[in-house]
């Protein structure tokens, strides 16, 4: 039950609980403490940002909240899972232009947001926004984002204590994001192949999962290529294993050299590599596969036993279909794509033949 002496005075509103009266402000503080604890223990960026938006809503109310973050090299985007519903809208900006246009050293209050933000897509239902508030998000003194609240409580800007509480909460967000990203980087070590220093099978599936989630937004399915090196199978003594490892490292390095930052390569089997190519046009797929095949196939290597071995490369590929993007768990889709391409190699599927082979 809520008691209110005045609809305009938050300090006079109370919540009745088990026969006692507690100020609404105290109840909000308890709820905010729970949110902050959940933020500290969050293991996914998506959950952390959702909690941050919930905390802002708890402190400022408002009909809608947008969180803008500068992400020039897609560092955050690759950790962001778009599936689900958050407490507001998160926008990752690769260009700082819009961000700097909205720059403010202190929280700012705008009673005519339509006039100020008419050239920037702020708030989906801008016609319902009578006033808005901007809170700058800084990390070590550098502007990294901004939070925008549509129709916040007037008291937030007029009560110094409430404004300080909001600023204090927002200041914690970039610190927790940095901590979470660093934890993810440490976790990435278990997804690395120790011989080649590229991703292992689990690591490549993780990268594919993230790219499939991203492709669900931009409708540009990733390409999966599998290359299997033949000729190393019988190099089993200690000296030969050393040579085998060196050849695998060289192959991984050569493949990686032809990739963009958004692409990925992983060692998925004893002598096999999987490659993820982002935004590959369907008509260019055969040429892409042929380039890697020709770069590795036919190389002569010392077998460590006084002879030479010719390195032969088998390959397969699959382009993720729009139907696959439509539904289903991204991890399962990623694993299925990789397995299908691997099966093509094992079966010698003629569909992987390219014009250069004919």
Foldseek 3Di string as FASTA:
>chain_A
DWDAPDPQDQQRIWDADPNDTDRPVVVLVVVLVVLVVCLLVDQAPQSNVLSLLVNLCSLWVFPAKEKEFEDQPCLNLLRHFPPDDGRHYYHYHNDCVVVVLPDDPAKDKAQCVCVSCVVPPDDPPVVPARIKIKGFEDDPRHTGIIMMGGPTRPVCVVPPVSVVVSNVSSNCSVVSVVVSSVVVVVVCVVQADPLQRFGEQVNQLSLQLSLLSVCLVVVQFKKKKKKFKPFLVPLPDPQQVVVVSVLQNVLSVVVVVPADPSKGKHHYDPRMMMIIHTRDPPVCVLVVNVVSQVVQFQDWDDRRPPDITGIHMFMFMDTDDPVLSPDDRSSVSSVVRNVVRVVCRVVVPPVSDHPVVD
